[in-house]
Amino acid sequence: MEIHELMVILGPTATGKTALAVKAARTLNAEIVSADSRQIYRGLDIGTGKDLSEYSEGGEPVPYHLIDFLNPGDSYNTFQFKSDATEVIREIGSRGRLPLVCGGTGLYIESLLLDYHFSAATRQEDFRREAEHMENSVLARQIEVLGGELSAEDKANRHRLIRKLEVMLFSEENKDVRESLKIEKLHVFGIDLPREIIRKRITDRLISRLEHGMVEEVKALLDAGVSAKWLDALGLEYRFISRYLKKQLSYQEMFSQLETAIHQFAKRQSTWFRRMEKRGIKINWIDGLIPDEDKIEFILETVDFGK
């Protein structure tokens, strides 16, 4: 499936990806395709940083896709993202607009850009490299999404988790995967910030989100019947706050452990994006400290869109 042009804005958490993507979309007549594995769920708003008003404030509303389209607890995996995103990108391009992928879920972005055929045996080595960057809980969740069963012993054995997921992904019954994108012109931009600034932003943002109802959001999900196990598998805010609400952690323990986990998550994201460069994806890094207007100017000076 061939499209003429695709733009990507990526970066670790707390770097301002969405705000920049909205400004770029208005400038370039683009529509945003989210590559965020948690913003797909309705009701997961404060904890995921999902603020739909960002797409309409300050100018013409910007169309967005693959946000808020699943209920909490619904299954979703990289196969489904690749299929859905490919279809959305094709449809946007067919209307003469620029598809702009924005997000921080590296595996989702790579699935679009590196021509992944998950069912092909030749891709198993790639899978093993990717799996090394996944938390055990993420591996376990993918296995369960595909219908696998895990014992407590399985979940504690990293090698067993990777091997089991590998077997499931490359088995005969999982070979029906949508045709990959063939991209004529690809423009990838990343937001680069010093690690200490990202860490401060993460901590400040965490304090703000807790003050603005993040605990209440998780409580509402639990009260609505969303399983604590599912929230735990989501990781980060939903894992530690649900543990706090179940009185497994004190408030201070929850805050401290969550803060550390998000810092570690941001570091893993940065590592993932640098690894993408080593695998052949050219990322044009933007100084995250300059104003958004200057970031847009950098984008426009770097490539000739629509030509």
C-alpha atoms as a PDB file:
ATOM      1  CA  MET A   1       0.000   0.000   0.000  1.00  0.00           C
ATOM      2  CA  GLU A   2       1.747   3.172  -1.182  1.00  0.00           C
ATOM      3  CA  ILE A   3       1.280   6.719   0.071  1.00  0.00           C
ATOM      4  CA  HIS A   4       3.032   9.820  -1.180  1.00  0.00           C
ATOM      5  CA  GLU A   5       4.063  11.465   2.074  1.00  0.00           C
ATOM      6  CA  LEU A   6       4.069  10.818   5.814  1.00  0.00           C
ATOM      7  CA  MET A   7       5.281  12.943   8.708  1.00  0.00           C
ATOM      8  CA  VAL A   8       6.100  11.707  12.213  1.00  0.00           C
ATOM      9  CA  ILE A   9       6.669  13.677  15.417  1.00  0.00           C
ATOM     10  CA  LEU A  10       8.066  11.558  18.237  1.00  0.00           C
ATOM     11  CA  GLY A  11       9.820  11.982  21.534  1.00  0.00           C
ATOM     12  CA  PRO A  12       9.856  10.846  25.149  1.00  0.00           C
ATOM     13  CA  THR A  13       7.032  11.712  27.494  1.00  0.00           C
ATOM     14  CA  ALA A  14       6.785  15.334  28.714  1.00  0.00           C
ATOM     15  CA  THR A  15       8.495  16.845  25.665  1.00  0.00           C
ATOM     16  CA  GLY A  16       5.462  18.629  24.155  1.00  0.00           C
ATOM     17  CA  LYS A  17       4.815  16.368  21.164  1.00  0.00           C
ATOM     18  CA  THR A  18       1.080  16.963  20.884  1.00  0.00           C
ATOM     19  CA  ALA A  19       1.270  20.751  21.112  1.00  0.00           C
ATOM     20  CA  LEU A  20       3.882  20.832  18.356  1.00  0.00           C
ATOM     21  CA  ALA A  21       1.963  18.332  16.216  1.00  0.00           C
ATOM     22  CA  VAL A  22      -1.190  20.473  16.405  1.00  0.00           C
ATOM     23  CA  LYS A  23       0.707  23.575  15.291  1.00  0.00           C
ATOM     24  CA  ALA A  24       2.413  21.623  12.502  1.00  0.00           C
ATOM     25  CA  ALA A  25      -0.904  20.149  11.371  1.00  0.00           C
ATOM     26  CA  ARG A  26      -2.449  23.595  11.038  1.00  0.00           C
ATOM     27  CA  THR A  27       0.540  24.817   9.049  1.00  0.00           C
ATOM     28  CA  LEU A  28       0.761  21.786   6.747  1.00  0.00           C
ATOM     29  CA  ASN A  29      -2.927  20.891   6.229  1.00  0.00           C
ATOM     30  CA  ALA A  30      -2.371  17.661   8.144  1.00  0.00           C
ATOM     31  CA  GLU A  31      -4.421  15.280  10.275  1.00  0.00           C
ATOM     32  CA  ILE A  32      -2.956  13.665  13.372  1.00  0.00           C
ATOM     33  CA  VAL A  33      -2.720   9.898  13.804  1.00  0.00           C
ATOM     34  CA  SER A  34      -1.946   9.077  17.422  1.00  0.00           C
ATOM     35  CA  ALA A  35       0.696   6.447  18.191  1.00  0.00           C
ATOM     36  CA  ASP A  36       0.008   6.202  21.914  1.00  0.00           C
ATOM     37  CA  SER A  37      -0.871   2.786  23.308  1.00  0.00           C
ATOM     38  CA  ARG A  38      -2.919   4.187  26.199  1.00  0.00           C
ATOM     39  CA  GLN A  39      -4.731   7.183  24.711  1.00  0.00           C
ATOM     40  CA  ILE A  40      -6.769   4.742  22.642  1.00  0.00           C
ATOM     41  CA  TYR A  41      -8.953   4.118  25.719  1.00  0.00           C
ATOM     42  CA  ARG A  42     -11.914   6.227  26.776  1.00  0.00           C
ATOM     43  CA  GLY A  43     -11.762   7.464  30.345  1.00  0.00           C
ATOM     44  CA  LEU A  44      -7.979   7.277  30.579  1.00  0.00           C
ATOM     45  CA  ASP A  45      -7.446  11.004  30.336  1.00  0.00           C
ATOM     46  CA  ILE A  46      -5.427  12.597  33.131  1.00  0.00           C
ATOM     47  CA  GLY A  47      -3.109   9.631  33.529  1.00  0.00           C
ATOM     48  CA  THR A  48      -2.284   9.490  29.825  1.00  0.00           C
ATOM     49  CA  GLY A  49      -2.029  13.248  29.302  1.00  0.00           C
ATOM     50  CA  LYS A  50      -4.960  13.118  26.908  1.00  0.00           C
ATOM     51  CA  ASP A  51      -6.388  16.611  26.511  1.00  0.00           C
ATOM     52  CA  LEU A  52      -8.655  16.714  23.486  1.00  0.00           C
ATOM     53  CA  SER A  53      -9.009  20.479  23.825  1.00  0.00           C
ATOM     54  CA  GLU A  54      -5.417  20.727  22.555  1.00  0.00           C
ATOM     55  CA  TYR A  55      -6.706  19.833  19.101  1.00  0.00           C
ATOM     56  CA  SER A  56      -9.148  22.747  18.970  1.00  0.00           C
ATOM     57  CA  GLU A  57      -7.695  25.550  21.090  1.00  0.00           C
ATOM     58  CA  GLY A  58      -5.746  28.391  19.524  1.00  0.00           C
ATOM     59  CA  GLY A  59      -7.005  28.014  15.978  1.00  0.00           C
ATOM     60  CA  GLU A  60      -8.799  25.789  13.522  1.00  0.00           C
ATOM     61  CA  PRO A  61      -9.664  22.371  15.028  1.00  0.00           C
ATOM     62  CA  VAL A  62      -7.236  19.679  13.909  1.00  0.00           C
ATOM     63  CA  PRO A  63      -8.699  16.262  13.016  1.00  0.00           C
ATOM     64  CA  TYR A  64      -7.254  13.395  15.054  1.00  0.00           C
ATOM     65  CA  HIS A  65      -7.469   9.612  14.788  1.00  0.00           C
ATOM     66  CA  LEU A  66      -6.921   6.520  16.988  1.00  0.00           C
ATOM     67  CA  ILE A  67      -7.734   8.330  20.220  1.00  0.00           C
ATOM     68  CA  ASP A  68     -10.638   7.493  22.543  1.00  0.00           C
ATOM     69  CA  PHE A  69     -12.055   4.667  20.447  1.00  0.00           C
ATOM     70  CA  LEU A  70     -11.866   1.686  22.825  1.00  0.00           C
ATOM     71  CA  ASN A  71     -13.404   0.958  26.205  1.00  0.00           C
ATOM     72  CA  PRO A  72     -11.117   0.201  29.162  1.00  0.00           C
ATOM     73  CA  GLY A  73     -10.435  -3.505  29.281  1.00  0.00           C
ATOM     74  CA  ASP A  74     -10.733  -3.997  25.512  1.00  0.00           C
ATOM     75  CA  SER A  75      -7.898  -5.904  23.869  1.00  0.00           C
ATOM     76  CA  TYR A  76      -5.572  -4.114  21.464  1.00  0.00           C
ATOM     77  CA  ASN A  77      -2.082  -4.883  20.222  1.00  0.00           C
ATOM     78  CA  THR A  78       0.545  -3.817  17.730  1.00  0.00           C
ATOM     79  CA  PHE A  79      -1.006  -5.908  14.952  1.00  0.00           C
ATOM     80  CA  GLN A  80      -4.274  -4.050  15.310  1.00  0.00           C
ATOM     81  CA  PHE A  81      -2.561  -0.676  15.530  1.00  0.00           C
ATOM     82  CA  LYS A  82      -0.624  -1.300  12.343  1.00  0.00           C
ATOM     83  CA  SER A  83      -3.786  -2.343  10.541  1.00  0.00           C
ATOM     84  CA  ASP A  84      -5.860   0.578  11.841  1.00  0.00           C
ATOM     85  CA  ALA A  85      -3.146   3.199  11.347  1.00  0.00           C
ATOM     86  CA  THR A  86      -2.360   1.991   7.838  1.00  0.00           C
ATOM     87  CA  GLU A  87      -5.998   2.337   6.844  1.00  0.00           C
ATOM     88  CA  VAL A  88      -6.335   5.778   8.439  1.00  0.00           C
ATOM     89  CA  ILE A  89      -3.110   7.032   6.846  1.00  0.00           C
ATOM     90  CA  ARG A  90      -4.217   5.788   3.434  1.00  0.00           C
ATOM     91  CA  GLU A  91      -7.594   7.494   3.809  1.00  0.00           C
ATOM     92  CA  ILE A  92      -6.070  10.821   4.892  1.00  0.00           C
ATOM     93  CA  GLY A  93      -3.663  10.762   1.957  1.00  0.00           C
ATOM     94  CA  SER A  94      -6.475   9.959  -0.481  1.00  0.00           C
ATOM     95  CA  ARG A  95      -8.112  13.268   0.482  1.00  0.00           C
ATOM     96  CA  GLY A  96      -4.973  15.221  -0.336  1.00  0.00           C
ATOM     97  CA  ARG A  97      -4.035  15.895   3.277  1.00  0.00           C
ATOM     98  CA  LEU A  98      -0.802  15.048   5.079  1.00  0.00           C
ATOM     99  CA  PRO A  99      -0.940  12.192   7.617  1.00  0.00           C
ATOM    100  CA  LEU A 100       1.003  13.201  10.741  1.00  0.00           C
ATOM    101  CA  VAL A 101       1.795  10.403  13.177  1.00  0.00           C
ATOM    102  CA  CYS A 102       2.431  11.685  16.699  1.00  0.00           C
ATOM    103  CA  GLY A 103       3.319   9.644  19.750  1.00  0.00           C
ATOM    104  CA  GLY A 104       5.820   8.004  22.017  1.00  0.00           C
ATOM    105  CA  THR A 105       5.031   4.305  21.635  1.00  0.00           C
ATOM    106  CA  GLY A 106       8.143   3.224  19.759  1.00  0.00           C
ATOM    107  CA  LEU A 107       6.881  -0.212  18.758  1.00  0.00           C
ATOM    108  CA  TYR A 108       3.756   1.299  17.189  1.00  0.00           C
ATOM    109  CA  ILE A 109       5.808   3.790  15.178  1.00  0.00           C
ATOM    110  CA  GLU A 110       8.350   1.185  14.092  1.00  0.00           C
ATOM    111  CA  SER A 111       5.572  -1.145  12.969  1.00  0.00           C
ATOM    112  CA  LEU A 112       4.615   1.477  10.384  1.00  0.00           C
ATOM    113  CA  LEU A 113       8.058   2.643   9.301  1.00  0.00           C
ATOM    114  CA  LEU A 114      10.188  -0.503   9.212  1.00  0.00           C
ATOM    115  CA  ASP A 115       7.911  -2.645   7.060  1.00  0.00           C
ATOM    116  CA  TYR A 116       7.223  -5.174   9.800  1.00  0.00           C
ATOM    117  CA  HIS A 117       5.628  -8.384   8.637  1.00  0.00           C
ATOM    118  CA  PHE A 118       5.024  -9.911  12.028  1.00  0.00           C
ATOM    119  CA  SER A 119       4.158 -13.303  10.591  1.00  0.00           C
ATOM    120  CA  ALA A 120       7.359 -13.732   8.590  1.00  0.00           C
ATOM    121  CA  ALA A 121      10.029 -15.934  10.127  1.00  0.00           C
ATOM    122  CA  THR A 122      12.705 -13.501   8.961  1.00  0.00           C
ATOM    123  CA  ARG A 123      11.380 -10.919  11.431  1.00  0.00           C
ATOM    124  CA  GLN A 124      11.803 -13.040  14.531  1.00  0.00           C
ATOM    125  CA  GLU A 125      15.258 -11.645  15.233  1.00  0.00           C
ATOM    126  CA  ASP A 126      13.768  -8.130  15.101  1.00  0.00           C
ATOM    127  CA  PHE A 127      11.081  -9.180  17.544  1.00  0.00           C
ATOM    128  CA  ARG A 128      13.647 -10.501  20.020  1.00  0.00           C
ATOM    129  CA  ARG A 129      15.507  -7.185  19.968  1.00  0.00           C
ATOM    130  CA  GLU A 130      12.273  -5.255  20.569  1.00  0.00           C
ATOM    131  CA  ALA A 131      11.173  -7.573  23.350  1.00  0.00           C
ATOM    132  CA  GLU A 132      14.317  -6.793  25.318  1.00  0.00           C
ATOM    133  CA  HIS A 133      12.992  -3.241  25.773  1.00  0.00           C
ATOM    134  CA  MET A 134       9.558  -4.328  27.044  1.00  0.00           C
ATOM    135  CA  GLU A 135       8.638  -4.668  30.692  1.00  0.00           C
ATOM    136  CA  ASN A 136       7.502  -8.108  31.853  1.00  0.00           C
ATOM    137  CA  SER A 137       4.001  -6.736  32.409  1.00  0.00           C
ATOM    138  CA  VAL A 138       3.821  -5.533  28.796  1.00  0.00           C
ATOM    139  CA  LEU A 139       4.963  -8.919  27.485  1.00  0.00           C
ATOM    140  CA  ALA A 140       2.398 -10.659  29.677  1.00  0.00           C
ATOM    141  CA  ARG A 141      -0.381  -8.358  28.519  1.00  0.00           C
ATOM    142  CA  GLN A 142       0.393  -9.028  24.847  1.00  0.00           C
ATOM    143  CA  ILE A 143       0.311 -12.772  25.500  1.00  0.00           C
ATOM    144  CA  GLU A 144      -3.052 -12.512  27.226  1.00  0.00           C
ATOM    145  CA  VAL A 145      -4.431 -10.309  24.425  1.00  0.00           C
ATOM    146  CA  LEU A 146      -3.546 -13.089  21.987  1.00  0.00           C
ATOM    147  CA  GLY A 147      -5.401 -15.606  24.130  1.00  0.00           C
ATOM    148  CA  GLY A 148      -2.492 -17.101  26.035  1.00  0.00           C
ATOM    149  CA  GLU A 149      -2.603 -18.181  29.646  1.00  0.00           C
ATOM    150  CA  LEU A 150       0.135 -17.451  32.157  1.00  0.00           C
ATOM    151  CA  SER A 151       0.889 -18.741  35.606  1.00  0.00           C
ATOM    152  CA  ALA A 152       2.449 -16.581  38.299  1.00  0.00           C
ATOM    153  CA  GLU A 153       5.704 -18.421  37.630  1.00  0.00           C
ATOM    154  CA  ASP A 154       5.474 -17.584  33.916  1.00  0.00           C
ATOM    155  CA  LYS A 155       4.992 -13.881  34.650  1.00  0.00           C
ATOM    156  CA  ALA A 156       8.136 -13.819  36.764  1.00  0.00           C
ATOM    157  CA  ASN A 157      10.281 -15.554  34.127  1.00  0.00           C
ATOM    158  CA  ARG A 158      11.385 -13.014  31.514  1.00  0.00           C
ATOM    159  CA  HIS A 159      12.930 -15.567  29.145  1.00  0.00           C
ATOM    160  CA  ARG A 160       9.765 -17.657  29.241  1.00  0.00           C
ATOM    161  CA  LEU A 161       7.582 -14.606  28.541  1.00  0.00           C
ATOM    162  CA  ILE A 162       9.621 -13.569  25.506  1.00  0.00           C
ATOM    163  CA  ARG A 163       9.705 -17.092  24.125  1.00  0.00           C
ATOM    164  CA  LYS A 164       5.978 -17.639  24.614  1.00  0.00           C
ATOM    165  CA  LEU A 165       5.059 -14.355  22.933  1.00  0.00           C
ATOM    166  CA  GLU A 166       7.432 -15.089  20.070  1.00  0.00           C
ATOM    167  CA  VAL A 167       5.804 -18.464  19.445  1.00  0.00           C
ATOM    168  CA  MET A 168       2.326 -16.933  19.532  1.00  0.00           C
ATOM    169  CA  LEU A 169       3.180 -14.036  17.225  1.00  0.00           C
ATOM    170  CA  PHE A 170       4.770 -16.213  14.592  1.00  0.00           C
ATOM    171  CA  SER A 171       2.312 -19.102  14.653  1.00  0.00           C
ATOM    172  CA  GLU A 172       0.166 -20.013  11.661  1.00  0.00           C
ATOM    173  CA  GLU A 173      -3.053 -18.545  13.036  1.00  0.00           C
ATOM    174  CA  ASN A 174      -1.552 -15.064  13.284  1.00  0.00           C
ATOM    175  CA  LYS A 175      -0.444 -14.671   9.675  1.00  0.00           C
ATOM    176  CA  ASP A 176      -3.284 -12.456   8.451  1.00  0.00           C
ATOM    177  CA  VAL A 177      -1.704  -9.023   8.737  1.00  0.00           C
ATOM    178  CA  ARG A 178      -2.572  -6.021   6.575  1.00  0.00           C
ATOM    179  CA  GLU A 179      -0.180  -5.057   3.801  1.00  0.00           C
ATOM    180  CA  SER A 180       2.556  -2.705   4.968  1.00  0.00           C
ATOM    181  CA  LEU A 181       2.844   0.934   3.992  1.00  0.00           C
ATOM    182  CA  LYS A 182       5.127   1.895   1.137  1.00  0.00           C
ATOM    183  CA  ILE A 183       6.057   5.514   1.852  1.00  0.00           C
ATOM    184  CA  GLU A 184       7.414   7.640  -0.974  1.00  0.00           C
ATOM    185  CA  LYS A 185       8.494  10.570   1.230  1.00  0.00           C
ATOM    186  CA  LEU A 186       9.002  10.087   4.963  1.00  0.00           C
ATOM    187  CA  HIS A 187       9.785  12.963   7.324  1.00  0.00           C
ATOM    188  CA  VAL A 188      10.519  12.036  10.948  1.00  0.00           C
ATOM    189  CA  PHE A 189      11.093  14.683  13.609  1.00  0.00           C
ATOM    190  CA  GLY A 190      12.027  14.105  17.233  1.00  0.00           C
ATOM    191  CA  ILE A 191      11.935  16.513  20.151  1.00  0.00           C
ATOM    192  CA  ASP A 192      15.255  16.574  21.973  1.00  0.00           C
ATOM    193  CA  LEU A 193      15.509  17.782  25.558  1.00  0.00           C
ATOM    194  CA  PRO A 194      18.228  17.349  28.187  1.00  0.00           C
ATOM    195  CA  ARG A 195      17.402  14.469  30.498  1.00  0.00           C
ATOM    196  CA  GLU A 196      17.403  16.640  33.624  1.00  0.00           C
ATOM    197  CA  ILE A 197      14.741  18.894  32.086  1.00  0.00           C
ATOM    198  CA  ILE A 198      12.594  15.909  31.146  1.00  0.00           C
ATOM    199  CA  ARG A 199      12.924  14.613  34.698  1.00  0.00           C
ATOM    200  CA  LYS A 200      11.832  17.955  36.174  1.00  0.00           C
ATOM    201  CA  ARG A 201       8.892  18.198  33.786  1.00  0.00           C
ATOM    202  CA  ILE A 202       7.821  14.670  34.690  1.00  0.00           C
ATOM    203  CA  THR A 203       7.886  15.423  38.412  1.00  0.00           C
ATOM    204  CA  ASP A 204       6.095  18.769  38.042  1.00  0.00           C
ATOM    205  CA  ARG A 205       3.489  17.198  35.774  1.00  0.00           C
ATOM    206  CA  LEU A 206       2.921  14.306  38.160  1.00  0.00           C
ATOM    207  CA  ILE A 207       2.277  16.690  41.054  1.00  0.00           C
ATOM    208  CA  SER A 208      -0.154  18.683  38.899  1.00  0.00           C
ATOM    209  CA  ARG A 209      -2.043  15.627  37.683  1.00  0.00           C
ATOM    210  CA  LEU A 210      -2.446  14.295  41.196  1.00  0.00           C
ATOM    211  CA  GLU A 211      -3.769  17.694  42.279  1.00  0.00           C
ATOM    212  CA  HIS A 212      -6.236  17.715  39.373  1.00  0.00           C
ATOM    213  CA  GLY A 213      -7.950  14.400  39.921  1.00  0.00           C
ATOM    214  CA  MET A 214      -5.767  11.561  38.684  1.00  0.00           C
ATOM    215  CA  VAL A 215      -6.447   9.432  41.763  1.00  0.00           C
ATOM    216  CA  GLU A 216     -10.169  10.059  41.330  1.00  0.00           C
ATOM    217  CA  GLU A 217      -9.905   9.033  37.669  1.00  0.00           C
ATOM    218  CA  VAL A 218      -8.409   5.665  38.589  1.00  0.00           C
ATOM    219  CA  LYS A 219     -10.976   5.186  41.364  1.00  0.00           C
ATOM    220  CA  ALA A 220     -13.787   5.884  38.890  1.00  0.00           C
ATOM    221  CA  LEU A 221     -12.391   3.226  36.550  1.00  0.00           C
ATOM    222  CA  LEU A 222     -12.258   0.667  39.360  1.00  0.00           C
ATOM    223  CA  ASP A 223     -15.766   1.624  40.513  1.00  0.00           C
ATOM    224  CA  ALA A 224     -17.009   1.171  36.940  1.00  0.00           C
ATOM    225  CA  GLY A 225     -15.790  -2.422  36.966  1.00  0.00           C
ATOM    226  CA  VAL A 226     -12.459  -2.066  35.178  1.00  0.00           C
ATOM    227  CA  SER A 227     -10.275  -4.794  36.632  1.00  0.00           C
ATOM    228  CA  ALA A 228      -7.322  -3.899  38.823  1.00  0.00           C
ATOM    229  CA  LYS A 229      -5.341  -6.529  36.918  1.00  0.00           C
ATOM    230  CA  TRP A 230      -5.936  -4.714  33.630  1.00  0.00           C
ATOM    231  CA  LEU A 231      -4.963  -1.366  35.151  1.00  0.00           C
ATOM    232  CA  ASP A 232      -1.837  -2.932  36.623  1.00  0.00           C
ATOM    233  CA  ALA A 233      -0.871  -4.228  33.182  1.00  0.00           C
ATOM    234  CA  LEU A 234      -1.157  -0.698  31.769  1.00  0.00           C
ATOM    235  CA  GLY A 235       1.669   0.277  34.083  1.00  0.00           C
ATOM    236  CA  LEU A 236       2.774   3.684  35.343  1.00  0.00           C
ATOM    237  CA  GLU A 237      -0.038   5.881  36.727  1.00  0.00           C
ATOM    238  CA  TYR A 238      -2.750   3.248  36.561  1.00  0.00           C
ATOM    239  CA  ARG A 239      -0.620   0.548  38.181  1.00  0.00           C
ATOM    240  CA  PHE A 240       0.667   2.527  41.137  1.00  0.00           C
ATOM    241  CA  ILE A 241      -2.487   4.493  41.860  1.00  0.00           C
ATOM    242  CA  SER A 242      -4.635   1.358  41.761  1.00  0.00           C
ATOM    243  CA  ARG A 243      -2.201  -0.249  44.215  1.00  0.00           C
ATOM    244  CA  TYR A 244      -2.521   2.815  46.434  1.00  0.00           C
ATOM    245  CA  LEU A 245      -6.319   2.618  46.288  1.00  0.00           C
ATOM    246  CA  LYS A 246      -6.132  -1.057  47.240  1.00  0.00           C
ATOM    247  CA  LYS A 247      -3.998   0.012  50.237  1.00  0.00           C
ATOM    248  CA  GLN A 248      -0.973  -1.890  48.972  1.00  0.00           C
ATOM    249  CA  LEU A 249       1.043   1.344  49.000  1.00  0.00           C
ATOM    250  CA  SER A 250       0.979   4.491  51.087  1.00  0.00           C
ATOM    251  CA  TYR A 251       0.486   7.780  49.248  1.00  0.00           C
ATOM    252  CA  GLN A 252       4.172   8.646  49.564  1.00  0.00           C
ATOM    253  CA  GLU A 253       5.215   5.164  48.383  1.00  0.00           C
ATOM    254  CA  MET A 254       2.868   5.501  45.432  1.00  0.00           C
ATOM    255  CA  PHE A 255       4.253   8.913  44.492  1.00  0.00           C
ATOM    256  CA  SER A 256       7.895   7.903  44.862  1.00  0.00           C
ATOM    257  CA  GLN A 257       7.576   4.623  42.961  1.00  0.00           C
ATOM    258  CA  LEU A 258       5.474   6.206  40.220  1.00  0.00           C
ATOM    259  CA  GLU A 259       7.872   9.114  39.783  1.00  0.00           C
ATOM    260  CA  THR A 260      10.797   6.701  39.433  1.00  0.00           C
ATOM    261  CA  ALA A 261       8.881   4.498  36.999  1.00  0.00           C
ATOM    262  CA  ILE A 262       8.015   7.423  34.713  1.00  0.00           C
ATOM    263  CA  HIS A 263      11.632   8.621  34.734  1.00  0.00           C
ATOM    264  CA  GLN A 264      12.731   5.118  33.734  1.00  0.00           C
ATOM    265  CA  PHE A 265      10.032   4.973  31.069  1.00  0.00           C
ATOM    266  CA  ALA A 266      11.239   8.231  29.500  1.00  0.00           C
ATOM    267  CA  LYS A 267      14.794   6.904  29.435  1.00  0.00           C
ATOM    268  CA  ARG A 268      13.638   3.723  27.677  1.00  0.00           C
ATOM    269  CA  GLN A 269      11.752   5.806  25.121  1.00  0.00           C
ATOM    270  CA  SER A 270      14.885   7.816  24.332  1.00  0.00           C
ATOM    271  CA  THR A 271      16.905   4.622  23.978  1.00  0.00           C
ATOM    272  CA  TRP A 272      14.293   3.169  21.649  1.00  0.00           C
ATOM    273  CA  PHE A 273      14.297   6.210  19.358  1.00  0.00           C
ATOM    274  CA  ARG A 274      18.098   6.255  19.154  1.00  0.00           C
ATOM    275  CA  ARG A 275      17.983   2.589  18.249  1.00  0.00           C
ATOM    276  CA  MET A 276      15.509   3.389  15.466  1.00  0.00           C
ATOM    277  CA  GLU A 277      18.168   5.650  13.969  1.00  0.00           C
ATOM    278  CA  LYS A 278      20.681   2.809  14.031  1.00  0.00           C
ATOM    279  CA  ARG A 279      18.173   0.700  12.114  1.00  0.00           C
ATOM    280  CA  GLY A 280      17.969   3.214   9.299  1.00  0.00           C
ATOM    281  CA  ILE A 281      15.223   5.675  10.253  1.00  0.00           C
ATOM    282  CA  LYS A 282      16.501   9.235   9.859  1.00  0.00           C
ATOM    283  CA  ILE A 283      15.214  11.398  12.708  1.00  0.00           C
ATOM    284  CA  ASN A 284      15.555  15.169  12.428  1.00  0.00           C
ATOM    285  CA  TRP A 285      16.055  16.223  16.037  1.00  0.00           C
ATOM    286  CA  ILE A 286      14.513  19.520  17.134  1.00  0.00           C
ATOM    287  CA  ASP A 287      15.830  21.497  20.085  1.00  0.00           C
ATOM    288  CA  GLY A 288      12.998  21.151  22.573  1.00  0.00           C
ATOM    289  CA  LEU A 289      13.972  24.369  24.368  1.00  0.00           C
ATOM    290  CA  ILE A 290      13.218  26.713  21.473  1.00  0.00           C
ATOM    291  CA  PRO A 291       9.710  28.193  21.021  1.00  0.00           C
ATOM    292  CA  ASP A 292       7.192  26.154  19.039  1.00  0.00           C
ATOM    293  CA  GLU A 293       7.196  28.796  16.297  1.00  0.00           C
ATOM    294  CA  ASP A 294      10.918  28.174  15.802  1.00  0.00           C
ATOM    295  CA  LYS A 295      10.330  24.431  15.830  1.00  0.00           C
ATOM    296  CA  ILE A 296       7.805  24.847  13.019  1.00  0.00           C
ATOM    297  CA  GLU A 297      10.286  26.985  11.096  1.00  0.00           C
ATOM    298  CA  PHE A 298      12.911  24.246  11.521  1.00  0.00           C
ATOM    299  CA  ILE A 299      10.464  21.658  10.175  1.00  0.00           C
ATOM    300  CA  LEU A 300       9.608  23.789   7.147  1.00  0.00           C
ATOM    301  CA  GLU A 301      13.272  24.500   6.425  1.00  0.00           C
ATOM    302  CA  THR A 302      14.257  20.837   6.707  1.00  0.00           C
ATOM    303  CA  VAL A 303      11.958  19.371   4.067  1.00  0.00           C
ATOM    304  CA  ASP A 304       9.841  20.488   1.119  1.00  0.00           C
ATOM    305  CA  PHE A 305       6.372  19.199   1.875  1.00  0.00           C
ATOM    306  CA  GLY A 306       4.008  18.248  -0.896  1.00  0.00           C
ATOM    307  CA  LYS A 307       6.630  18.262  -3.662  1.00  0.00           C
END
